[in-house]
Protein backbone atom coordinates (compact mmCIF):
# COMPACT_ATOMS: atom_id res chain seq x y z
CA MET A 1 -10.15 -3.46 17.68
CA GLY A 2 -13.04 -1.19 18.68
CA ARG A 3 -14.75 1.39 16.55
CA PHE A 4 -13.35 2.32 13.16
CA VAL A 5 -15.63 5.35 12.83
CA ASN A 6 -15.31 8.08 15.47
CA PRO A 7 -13.14 6.10 17.89
CA ASP A 8 -12.80 7.23 21.50
CA ASN A 9 -9.56 8.34 23.15
CA SER A 10 -8.72 5.11 24.99
CA ALA A 11 -5.82 4.05 22.73
CA PHE A 12 -4.03 7.37 23.21
CA GLN A 13 -4.78 7.30 26.92
CA VAL A 14 -2.75 4.09 27.15
CA ALA A 15 0.27 5.99 25.81
CA LEU A 16 -0.27 8.78 28.34
CA ASN A 17 -0.48 6.20 31.13
CA SER A 18 2.95 4.80 30.26
CA LYS A 19 5.89 5.30 32.60
CA ILE A 20 7.63 7.38 29.96
CA TYR A 21 5.64 9.71 27.74
CA VAL A 22 7.32 12.18 25.38
CA ASP A 23 5.04 14.94 24.12
CA LYS A 24 4.72 14.81 20.32
CA THR A 25 1.44 16.72 20.07
CA GLY A 26 3.22 19.41 18.05
CA LEU A 27 2.42 17.16 15.09
CA ILE A 28 -1.23 18.15 15.53
CA ALA A 29 -0.35 21.82 15.00
CA TYR A 30 1.06 20.85 11.61
CA THR A 31 -1.98 18.78 10.58
CA ASN A 32 -4.27 21.60 11.76
CA SER A 33 -2.41 23.99 9.47
CA VAL A 34 -3.11 21.89 6.36
CA LEU A 35 -6.72 20.84 7.02
CA ASP A 36 -8.94 21.09 3.94
CA THR A 37 -6.06 22.06 1.64
CA THR A 38 -4.16 20.27 -1.11
CA ASP A 39 -1.49 19.59 1.54
CA ALA A 40 -3.93 17.62 3.68
CA TYR A 41 -2.84 14.29 2.14
CA ILE A 42 0.07 13.07 4.26
CA CYS A 43 2.05 9.83 4.28
CA ASN A 44 4.39 9.77 7.29
CA SER A 45 6.49 6.62 6.93
CA ARG A 46 9.04 5.35 9.44
CA PRO A 47 10.46 2.04 10.72
CA ARG A 48 8.89 -0.25 13.29
CA ARG A 49 9.30 0.92 16.88
CA PHE A 50 9.26 4.58 15.83
CA GLY A 51 5.76 5.40 17.07
CA LYS A 52 3.63 5.11 13.92
CA SER A 53 0.55 3.78 15.71
CA TYR A 54 1.06 6.11 18.64
CA ALA A 55 0.89 9.11 16.29
CA ALA A 56 -2.22 7.73 14.56
CA ASN A 57 -3.94 7.16 17.91
CA MET A 58 -3.02 10.66 19.05
CA LEU A 59 -4.56 12.26 15.94
CA ALA A 60 -7.67 10.11 16.29
CA ALA A 61 -8.13 11.12 19.93
CA TYR A 62 -7.77 14.79 19.05
CA TYR A 63 -10.03 15.01 16.01
CA SER A 64 -12.67 12.34 16.61
CA LYS A 65 -16.23 13.28 17.52
CA GLY A 66 -16.31 10.05 19.51
CA ALA A 67 -13.67 11.32 21.93
CA ASP A 68 -13.89 13.84 24.75
CA SER A 69 -10.20 14.63 25.04
CA GLU A 70 -9.78 18.26 26.10
CA LYS A 71 -8.63 17.25 29.57
CA MET A 72 -6.28 14.67 28.08
CA PHE A 73 -4.48 17.23 25.92
CA SER A 74 -4.45 20.05 28.48
CA GLY A 75 -0.89 20.83 29.52
CA LEU A 76 0.56 19.24 26.38
CA GLU A 77 2.22 21.29 23.64
CA ILE A 78 -0.84 21.43 21.38
CA SER A 79 -2.99 22.98 24.13
CA LYS A 80 -0.93 26.19 23.77
CA ASP A 81 -1.81 26.47 20.08
CA VAL A 82 -4.34 29.19 19.17
CA ASN A 83 -6.36 26.67 17.14
CA PHE A 84 -6.39 23.99 19.85
CA LYS A 85 -10.12 24.09 20.63
CA LYS A 86 -11.16 25.03 17.11
CA HIS A 87 -10.52 21.50 15.83
CA LEU A 88 -10.73 19.48 19.06
CA ASN A 89 -13.21 16.56 18.72
CA LYS A 90 -15.00 18.25 15.82
CA TYR A 91 -14.75 15.71 13.00
CA ASP A 92 -16.17 12.46 11.73
CA LEU A 93 -13.08 10.29 11.69
CA ILE A 94 -12.28 6.88 10.23
CA HIS A 95 -9.29 5.03 11.70
CA ILE A 96 -8.22 1.87 9.86
CA ASP A 97 -5.32 -0.40 10.84
CA ILE A 98 -4.55 -2.52 7.76
CA GLN A 99 -2.28 -4.80 9.81
CA TRP A 100 -5.23 -5.69 12.05
CA PHE A 101 -7.50 -6.42 9.10
CA LEU A 102 -4.87 -8.57 7.39
CA ALA A 103 -4.26 -10.53 10.59
CA ASN A 104 -8.00 -11.25 10.86
CA CYS A 105 -8.45 -12.37 7.26
CA VAL A 106 -7.93 -15.91 6.05
CA GLU A 107 -6.77 -14.58 2.68
CA ALA A 108 -5.14 -11.27 1.78
CA ASP A 109 -7.63 -11.06 -1.12
CA ASN A 110 -10.41 -10.45 1.40
CA VAL A 111 -8.86 -7.45 3.17
CA VAL A 112 -10.51 -4.74 1.06
CA ASP A 113 -13.97 -6.28 1.41
CA PHE A 114 -13.42 -6.72 5.16
CA VAL A 115 -12.42 -3.07 5.56
CA THR A 116 -15.26 -1.82 3.38
CA ASN A 117 -17.98 -3.87 5.10
CA SER A 118 -16.71 -3.08 8.61
CA VAL A 119 -16.58 0.69 8.07
CA LEU A 120 -19.83 0.78 6.08
CA GLY A 121 -21.58 -1.10 8.88
CA GLU A 122 -20.57 1.51 11.41
CA LEU A 123 -21.42 4.41 9.09
CA ARG A 124 -24.89 2.97 8.52
CA ALA A 125 -25.45 2.76 12.27
CA ILE A 126 -24.55 6.47 12.61
CA TYR A 127 -26.15 7.80 9.38
CA PRO A 128 -28.85 5.27 8.39
CA GLU A 129 -30.85 7.80 6.38
CA ALA A 130 -27.87 8.70 4.20
CA LEU A 131 -26.90 5.17 3.18
CA PRO A 132 -29.52 3.04 1.42
CA PRO A 133 -28.76 -0.69 0.94
CA GLU A 134 -27.41 -0.26 -2.59
CA VAL A 135 -24.40 1.78 -1.33
CA SER A 136 -21.55 -0.71 -1.33
CA ARG A 137 -18.42 1.39 -1.80
CA LEU A 138 -16.77 3.50 0.86
CA PRO A 139 -16.06 6.57 -1.32
CA ASP A 140 -19.74 6.65 -2.35
CA ALA A 141 -20.80 6.43 1.30
CA LEU A 142 -18.51 9.27 2.41
CA SER A 143 -19.67 11.47 -0.46
CA ARG A 144 -23.37 10.90 0.39
CA ILE A 145 -22.81 11.62 4.09
CA LYS A 146 -20.95 14.82 3.26
CA ASP A 147 -23.80 15.93 0.99
CA ARG A 148 -26.32 15.32 3.76
CA THR A 149 -24.38 16.71 6.75
CA GLY A 150 -21.95 19.19 5.20
CA GLN A 151 -19.21 17.56 7.32
CA LYS A 152 -16.00 16.32 5.73
CA PHE A 153 -14.10 13.27 7.04
CA ILE A 154 -10.66 12.73 8.48
CA VAL A 155 -9.26 9.36 7.37
CA ILE A 156 -6.32 7.76 9.18
CA ILE A 157 -4.83 4.55 7.79
CA ASP A 158 -2.22 2.89 9.97
CA GLU A 159 0.26 0.40 8.40
CA TRP A 160 -1.03 1.44 4.98
CA ASP A 161 1.71 -0.53 3.18
CA VAL A 162 1.39 -3.91 4.90
CA LEU A 163 -0.22 -5.46 1.82
CA ILE A 164 2.46 -3.93 -0.40
CA ARG A 165 5.10 -5.64 1.76
CA ASP A 166 3.49 -8.84 3.06
CA ALA A 167 1.33 -9.73 0.07
CA ALA A 168 3.81 -8.52 -2.52
CA THR A 169 3.33 -11.53 -4.81
CA ASP A 170 -0.47 -11.63 -4.53
CA ASN A 171 -1.44 -9.63 -7.62
CA LYS A 172 -5.19 -9.73 -6.94
CA ALA A 173 -4.82 -8.48 -3.37
CA GLN A 174 -2.50 -5.72 -4.55
CA ASP A 175 -4.75 -4.66 -7.43
CA ASP A 176 -7.87 -4.63 -5.24
CA TYR A 177 -6.13 -2.60 -2.56
CA ILE A 178 -4.72 -0.05 -5.01
CA THR A 179 -8.15 0.34 -6.61
CA PHE A 180 -9.58 0.90 -3.12
CA LEU A 181 -7.01 3.60 -2.32
CA ARG A 182 -7.49 5.28 -5.68
CA GLY A 183 -11.24 5.47 -5.18
CA LEU A 184 -10.86 6.82 -1.66
CA PHE A 185 -8.24 9.50 -2.26
CA LYS A 186 -7.65 10.24 -5.95
CA GLY A 187 -9.45 12.74 -8.16
CA THR A 188 -11.82 15.63 -7.65
CA GLU A 189 -14.59 13.81 -5.76
CA PRO A 190 -12.48 12.91 -2.66
CA THR A 191 -11.60 16.58 -2.14
CA LYS A 192 -15.30 17.10 -1.45
CA TYR A 193 -15.34 14.70 1.53
CA ILE A 194 -11.71 14.51 2.77
CA GLN A 195 -10.66 17.06 5.40
CA LEU A 196 -7.38 15.25 6.17
CA ALA A 197 -5.85 11.96 5.07
CA TYR A 198 -3.00 10.64 7.21
CA LEU A 199 -1.22 7.41 6.28
CA THR A 200 1.47 5.67 8.30
CA GLY A 201 3.68 2.81 7.18
CA ILE A 202 7.26 1.74 6.59
CA LEU A 203 7.31 2.49 2.87
CA PRO A 204 6.57 5.79 1.11
CA VAL A 205 3.62 5.82 -1.27
CA LYS A 206 5.23 6.48 -4.62
CA LYS A 207 5.80 3.30 -6.57
CA GLU A 208 4.91 2.06 -10.02
CA LYS A 209 1.54 0.55 -9.16
CA THR A 210 0.38 3.23 -6.74
CA GLN A 211 1.83 6.23 -8.56
CA SER A 212 -1.46 7.23 -10.11
CA ALA A 213 -3.40 6.22 -7.01
CA LEU A 214 -1.51 8.27 -4.43
CA ASN A 215 0.66 10.85 -6.14
CA ASN A 216 -1.31 13.61 -4.43
CA PHE A 217 0.22 12.65 -1.06
CA ASP A 218 3.08 14.55 0.55
CA GLU A 219 5.70 12.09 1.76
CA PHE A 220 7.68 12.43 4.99
CA THR A 221 10.19 9.60 5.13
CA MET A 222 13.50 8.39 6.56
CA LEU A 223 15.03 9.82 3.39
CA SER A 224 13.44 13.25 3.78
CA ALA A 225 11.34 14.01 6.85
CA SER A 226 11.05 17.78 6.24
CA GLU A 227 8.84 19.61 8.78
CA LEU A 228 7.88 16.38 10.54
CA ALA A 229 11.46 15.45 11.45
CA PRO A 230 11.07 16.18 15.21
CA TYR A 231 7.99 13.94 15.35
CA ILE A 232 9.71 10.84 13.94
CA GLY A 233 11.51 9.30 16.89
CA PHE A 234 12.96 11.11 19.92
CA THR A 235 15.15 14.17 19.43
CA GLU A 236 18.50 14.59 21.16
CA ASP A 237 17.10 17.21 23.56
CA GLU A 238 14.30 14.85 24.58
CA VAL A 239 16.71 11.98 25.17
CA GLU A 240 19.11 14.16 27.15
CA LYS A 241 16.28 15.17 29.50
CA LEU A 242 15.24 11.55 29.97
CA ALA A 243 18.84 10.51 30.69
CA GLU A 244 19.06 13.18 33.36
CA LYS A 245 15.74 12.16 34.91
CA TYR A 246 16.56 8.43 34.97
CA HIS A 247 20.26 8.91 35.83
CA ARG A 248 21.59 7.27 32.67
CA ASP A 249 24.90 8.07 31.00
CA PHE A 250 23.82 10.25 28.07
CA ASP A 251 27.04 9.69 26.12
CA GLU A 252 26.46 5.95 26.40
CA VAL A 253 22.83 6.32 25.28
CA LYS A 254 24.04 8.33 22.31
CA ARG A 255 26.58 5.70 21.27
CA TRP A 256 24.03 2.92 21.44
CA TYR A 257 20.85 4.47 20.03
CA ASP A 258 21.59 7.73 18.19
CA GLY A 259 22.43 8.12 14.52
CA TYR A 260 19.36 8.79 12.39
CA LEU A 261 19.76 12.14 10.63
CA LEU A 262 16.46 13.82 9.77
CA LYS A 263 16.69 17.39 8.54
CA ASP A 264 18.39 19.30 11.40
CA TYR A 265 17.73 16.65 14.03
CA GLN A 266 19.63 13.73 15.50
CA VAL A 267 16.85 11.18 15.98
CA TYR A 268 16.79 8.24 18.38
CA ASN A 269 14.77 5.04 18.30
CA PRO A 270 11.96 5.62 20.87
CA ARG A 271 11.48 1.98 21.87
CA ALA A 272 15.19 1.50 22.57
CA VAL A 273 15.48 4.74 24.55
CA VAL A 274 12.46 3.92 26.72
CA SER A 275 13.81 0.41 27.33
CA VAL A 276 17.26 1.56 28.41
CA MET A 277 15.80 4.27 30.65
CA LEU A 278 13.56 1.80 32.48
CA ARG A 279 15.91 -1.21 32.52
CA GLY A 280 19.31 0.42 32.60
CA GLU A 281 20.77 -2.22 30.27
CA PHE A 282 22.74 -1.02 27.26
CA ARG A 283 22.04 -3.67 24.64
CA SER A 284 20.07 -4.22 21.47
CA TYR A 285 16.28 -4.09 21.95
CA TRP A 286 15.69 -4.30 18.22
CA SER A 287 15.02 -8.03 18.03
CA GLU A 288 12.22 -7.77 20.59
CA THR A 289 9.96 -6.17 18.00
CA ALA A 290 11.64 -6.62 14.62
CA SER A 291 13.46 -9.71 13.43
CA TYR A 292 16.60 -9.44 11.34
CA ASP A 293 15.14 -12.29 9.26
CA ALA A 294 13.57 -9.59 7.09
CA ILE A 295 16.94 -8.38 5.88
CA VAL A 296 18.92 -11.64 5.69
CA PRO A 297 17.58 -12.39 2.17
CA LEU A 298 18.33 -8.81 1.16
CA ILE A 299 21.97 -8.66 2.24
CA ASN A 300 22.60 -12.07 0.68
CA MET A 301 21.43 -10.95 -2.75
CA ASN A 302 24.21 -11.27 -5.29
CA TYR A 303 24.31 -7.66 -6.42
CA ASP A 304 27.66 -6.22 -7.39
CA GLY A 305 29.23 -4.29 -4.54
CA LEU A 306 26.49 -5.04 -1.96
CA LYS A 307 28.55 -7.16 0.40
CA THR A 308 31.49 -4.79 0.19
CA ALA A 309 29.12 -1.92 1.04
CA ILE A 310 27.77 -3.79 4.08
CA ILE A 311 31.33 -4.47 5.28
CA GLU A 312 32.25 -0.81 4.81
CA MET A 313 29.23 0.40 6.80
CA LEU A 314 29.77 -2.13 9.60
CA SER A 315 33.28 -0.68 9.84
CA GLY A 316 31.92 2.83 10.36
CA ALA A 317 32.18 4.15 6.82
CA GLU A 318 29.43 5.80 4.74
CA VAL A 319 28.43 4.47 1.33
CA ARG A 320 26.95 6.43 -1.57
CA VAL A 321 23.43 5.31 -2.46
CA ASN A 322 21.04 6.25 -5.25
CA THR A 323 17.63 6.11 -3.56
CA ALA A 324 15.73 7.07 -6.73
CA THR A 325 15.86 3.58 -8.25
CA PHE A 326 13.84 1.91 -5.46
CA LYS A 327 10.22 1.28 -6.48
CA ASN A 328 8.96 1.09 -2.88
CA ASP A 329 8.08 -2.57 -2.94
CA THR A 330 9.89 -5.82 -2.25
CA VAL A 331 9.37 -7.62 -5.58
CA ASN A 332 11.10 -5.06 -7.78
CA ILE A 333 14.44 -4.91 -5.97
CA ARG A 334 17.02 -4.96 -8.75
CA SER A 335 20.27 -3.51 -7.43
CA LYS A 336 22.56 -2.77 -4.49
CA ASP A 337 21.00 0.71 -4.27
CA ASP A 338 17.49 -0.79 -4.00
CA VAL A 339 18.57 -3.02 -1.11
CA LEU A 340 20.28 -0.18 0.74
CA THR A 341 17.30 2.15 0.25
CA TYR A 342 14.88 -0.46 1.59
CA MET A 343 17.16 -0.98 4.60
CA ILE A 344 17.02 2.77 5.25
CA HIS A 345 13.21 2.65 5.33
CA LEU A 346 13.36 -0.39 7.63
CA GLY A 347 15.63 1.50 10.01
CA TYR A 348 18.65 -0.78 9.59
CA LEU A 349 20.61 2.06 7.98
CA GLY A 350 20.71 5.81 8.46
CA TYR A 351 20.75 8.27 5.56
CA ASN A 352 22.60 11.53 5.08
CA GLU A 353 20.32 13.59 2.85
CA ILE A 354 23.04 16.12 2.01
CA ARG A 355 25.82 13.66 1.13
CA LYS A 356 23.42 11.01 -0.28
CA THR A 357 25.10 8.30 1.80
CA ALA A 358 23.94 5.33 3.89
CA PHE A 359 25.56 4.26 7.15
CA VAL A 360 25.02 2.08 10.22
CA PRO A 361 23.46 4.55 12.67
CA ASN A 362 24.48 3.16 16.06
CA GLU A 363 25.78 0.27 18.14
CA GLU A 364 22.36 -1.39 18.50
CA ILE A 365 21.92 -1.67 14.74
CA ARG A 366 25.56 -2.68 14.26
CA GLN A 367 24.93 -5.70 16.50
CA GLU A 368 21.74 -6.64 14.65
CA LEU A 369 23.38 -6.32 11.24
CA THR A 370 26.40 -8.33 12.35
CA THR A 371 24.08 -11.09 13.58
CA ALA A 372 22.21 -11.01 10.27
CA VAL A 373 25.45 -11.28 8.30
CA GLU A 374 26.71 -14.14 10.46
CA SER A 375 23.42 -16.06 10.16
CA LYS A 376 24.42 -17.00 6.62
CA THR A 377 28.15 -17.19 6.37
CA TRP A 378 29.85 -15.05 3.76
CA ASN A 379 33.20 -16.50 2.73
CA GLU A 380 34.31 -12.97 1.95
CA MET A 381 33.36 -11.86 5.44
CA LEU A 382 35.09 -14.75 7.20
CA THR A 383 38.40 -14.23 5.41
CA PHE A 384 38.19 -10.49 5.80
CA GLN A 385 37.48 -10.74 9.53
CA GLN A 386 40.53 -12.97 9.98
CA GLU A 387 42.75 -10.40 8.25
CA SER A 388 41.17 -7.61 10.26
CA GLU A 389 41.76 -9.50 13.52
CA ARG A 390 45.44 -9.86 12.60
CA LEU A 391 45.58 -6.11 12.08
CA LEU A 392 43.98 -5.42 15.46
CA ASP A 393 46.30 -7.90 17.21
CA ALA A 394 49.32 -6.27 15.59
CA THR A 395 48.09 -2.86 16.72
CA LEU A 396 47.62 -4.02 20.31
CA ASP A 397 51.07 -5.64 20.18
CA MET A 398 52.45 -2.27 19.00
CA ASP A 399 53.96 -3.94 15.93
CA GLY A 400 54.03 -1.03 13.47
CA VAL A 401 55.65 -3.02 10.66
CA GLU A 402 52.95 -5.69 10.77
CA VAL A 403 50.17 -3.07 10.99
CA ALA A 404 51.50 -1.37 7.84
CA ALA A 405 51.72 -4.72 6.05
CA GLN A 406 48.16 -5.71 7.03
CA ILE A 407 46.64 -2.39 5.95
CA GLU A 408 48.38 -2.75 2.61
CA LYS A 409 47.13 -6.32 2.22
CA ILE A 410 43.54 -5.44 3.13
CA HIS A 411 43.58 -2.52 0.72
CA ASN A 412 44.93 -4.61 -2.15
CA GLU A 413 42.78 -7.71 -1.62
CA TYR A 414 39.44 -6.52 -0.24
CA VAL A 415 38.89 -2.88 -1.01
CA SER A 416 40.65 -2.54 -4.34
CA VAL A 417 37.68 -0.48 -5.57
CA ILE A 418 38.93 2.33 -3.34
CA GLN A 419 41.79 3.98 -5.21
CA TYR A 420 44.25 6.06 -3.22
CA HIS A 421 43.96 9.67 -4.36
CA ASN A 422 44.14 11.54 -1.08
CA GLU A 423 43.89 11.29 2.69
CA ASN A 424 40.13 10.67 2.51
CA SER A 425 40.60 7.44 0.57
CA LEU A 426 43.23 6.33 3.09
CA SER A 427 40.66 7.04 5.83
CA SER A 428 38.10 4.84 4.07
CA VAL A 429 40.50 1.92 3.87
CA LEU A 430 41.51 2.30 7.50
CA ALA A 431 37.88 2.27 8.69
CA ILE A 432 37.22 -0.95 6.81
CA ALA A 433 40.48 -2.57 7.89
CA TYR A 434 39.58 -2.30 11.58
CA LEU A 435 36.22 -4.07 11.19
CA SER A 436 37.13 -6.73 13.77
CA ALA A 437 37.57 -3.98 16.37
CA MET A 438 33.81 -3.45 16.37
CA GLN A 439 33.38 -6.38 18.75
CA TYR A 440 35.36 -4.58 21.43
CA TYR A 441 35.07 -0.93 20.43
CA PHE A 442 32.35 1.52 19.59
CA LYS A 443 32.09 2.88 16.07
CA PRO A 444 35.25 4.93 15.50
CA ILE A 445 34.82 8.63 16.05
CA ARG A 446 35.92 10.48 12.93
CA GLU A 447 37.66 13.80 13.44
CA LEU A 448 37.05 14.04 17.17
CA PRO A 449 37.38 17.69 18.27
CA THR A 450 40.14 17.92 20.87
CA GLY A 451 40.42 21.64 21.54
CA ARG A 452 43.58 21.94 19.44
CA GLY A 453 42.46 20.22 16.27
CA PHE A 454 40.76 17.03 15.17
CA ALA A 455 42.00 13.48 15.68
CA ASP A 456 41.42 11.43 12.52
CA PHE A 457 40.14 8.30 14.27
CA VAL A 458 39.41 7.51 17.91
CA PHE A 459 38.41 3.99 18.96
CA LEU A 460 36.90 3.87 22.46
CA PRO A 461 36.51 0.44 24.06
CA LYS A 462 33.07 -0.63 25.23
CA PRO A 463 32.75 -0.49 29.03
CA GLU A 464 32.99 -4.26 29.45
CA TYR A 465 36.34 -4.26 27.59
CA LYS A 466 37.74 -1.07 29.09
CA ASN A 467 40.24 -2.88 31.33
CA ASP A 468 41.47 -5.23 28.60
CA TYR A 469 41.60 -3.05 25.49
CA PRO A 470 43.24 0.36 25.18
CA ALA A 471 41.71 3.30 23.38
CA LEU A 472 43.29 3.95 19.98
CA ILE A 473 44.05 7.42 18.65
CA VAL A 474 44.94 7.18 14.96
CA GLU A 475 46.43 10.01 12.91
CA LEU A 476 46.83 9.63 9.14
CA LYS A 477 49.29 11.35 6.87
CA TRP A 478 49.68 11.40 3.10
CA ASN A 479 53.12 11.69 1.51
CA ARG A 480 54.62 12.87 4.79
CA LYS A 481 56.66 11.15 7.47
CA VAL A 482 55.06 8.80 9.96
CA GLN A 483 56.85 10.68 12.76
CA THR A 484 54.87 13.78 11.70
CA ALA A 485 51.61 11.99 12.53
CA MET A 486 52.88 10.96 15.96
CA THR A 487 54.16 14.46 16.71
CA GLN A 488 50.76 15.95 15.83
CA ILE A 489 48.96 13.60 18.23
CA LYS A 490 51.23 14.69 21.06
CA ASP A 491 51.53 18.40 20.26
CA LYS A 492 47.78 18.85 19.96
CA LYS A 493 47.14 16.85 23.13
CA TYR A 494 44.60 14.50 21.50
CA PRO A 495 44.73 11.94 24.37
CA SER A 496 43.56 14.46 26.98
CA SER A 497 40.16 14.69 25.26
CA ILE A 498 39.33 11.03 25.95
CA SER A 499 41.16 10.31 29.21
CA ASN A 500 37.89 10.21 31.14
CA TYR A 501 36.46 7.47 28.91
CA THR A 502 39.14 4.84 28.93
CA GLY A 503 42.11 3.20 30.62
CA GLU A 504 45.25 2.79 28.53
CA ILE A 505 45.68 4.73 25.29
CA LEU A 506 47.73 3.76 22.23
CA LEU A 507 48.88 6.43 19.79
CA VAL A 508 48.94 5.20 16.18
CA GLY A 509 50.55 7.22 13.39
CA ILE A 510 50.10 5.99 9.80
CA ASN A 511 51.56 7.44 6.61
CA TYR A 512 51.12 6.43 2.97
CA ASP A 513 53.81 7.26 0.49
CA LYS A 514 52.24 7.68 -2.94
CA ASN A 515 55.51 7.23 -4.82
CA SER A 516 56.65 4.02 -3.14
CA LYS A 517 53.02 2.89 -2.55
CA GLU A 518 54.01 1.81 0.92
CA HIS A 519 52.47 2.35 4.34
CA GLN A 520 54.43 3.15 7.45
CA CYS A 521 53.15 2.86 11.01
CA LEU A 522 54.46 4.03 14.37
CA ILE A 523 52.75 3.03 17.65
CA GLU A 524 53.44 4.35 21.14
CA LYS A 525 51.81 3.93 24.51
CA TYR A 526 50.52 7.19 25.96
CA LYS A 527 52.08 8.10 29.28
CA LYS A 528 49.53 9.86 31.43
CA ASP A 529 50.68 12.75 33.59
């Protein structure tokens, strides 16, 4: 792996050498602002393929005494910061990749000793006079070196949680590792030798076992990214500029890879965006670096409401989730909410922090989740898909009576937990009912702005199905007349807003009469001018 103490800048240089590099050095301005404060303990967790190691390498190249990186950072965002040179290559830095150590250990139990001995060996080579042979613990070594040199350390731990995830049932490995982290970061003594601690991983730090070990860390997660939101993934502005440079259809990129909501930002998966820019192929790149095998056991757990929730989200709906129950490990998953929260951290679901809901973020993830579901057949899913396909066929055949009957059947048999109280509950049922459409259509656009109002649902066919499947504009009404829904579609010129994206267009008006408890449906083909 190279040096663990005061690494050079070669790892970050590899990122700069790449065909596509997006400047995320603004993160350094934030870490500079918290150096040597109580806020200098950071855990920035995010899914695979979201640049965790890249960020760690960038920080190492900037702070490490072993690097000479002024030229490397010149012209990047951080070089404009007033404190750029003040902290550049000024610190003793320790960079540990727990994934690398675990991969090079025969047993997980040996990871802590391997880390300790490797880092101590390098520290002794640099500061032999400060570390007599009896020094065997890393916190002791850092404290002695600080006393002798007056210089505090920056500690970066990449993939900090790999033992929490991959050795979840190995109690000794877990206990040893937690004791190691507690000694390194917890209490008064570490504040004397820690200038900055930066942890990356998939999971946040707060969990039952590590609560007392790491509760002094600020967490920036897929649930709440706070100030670090623009540095977790690519922002919409960054992706739009790349699409323009590489002549890609931005709207198509957005449909496939957008969807993660972090603070005020729409965030894209960096690996997928880079791949589509360079290859020009709109498809799922997820399985190239992360297997859906990790979530198959999760979504097959027999927790009440879990499978229904997955079906709802695959259909484009959002599902309420209580993220507070998750203990941030894989052995204490006890409920539907725990599974959904873990899937958010893994990147298989997005999270709306305001509404407290989970959802499938984009077409790429929808394909991966569908594959995961189909890898172990759900009887519920098979039957439901058959009913949903009948609904779609009836819609395409413009058979309004059959469409109304199928929606009623799907509501009564499969989503009975959703009680009709208003138009919103009718919308939820409709989204679920058209699940089978997801093979041919993108996620339905809810309340598409049209210039004269908002269409309730718009289904746009994927490019490969554009000539065979019409776009669907669906307007819902509650205790009205179905003709009212159709009139609104026409009067407000909803079809004109999507005419550039599709071939044929079907107009679908649906009404639910609360008194008779019946649905009515009217379908017409849009006649273009």
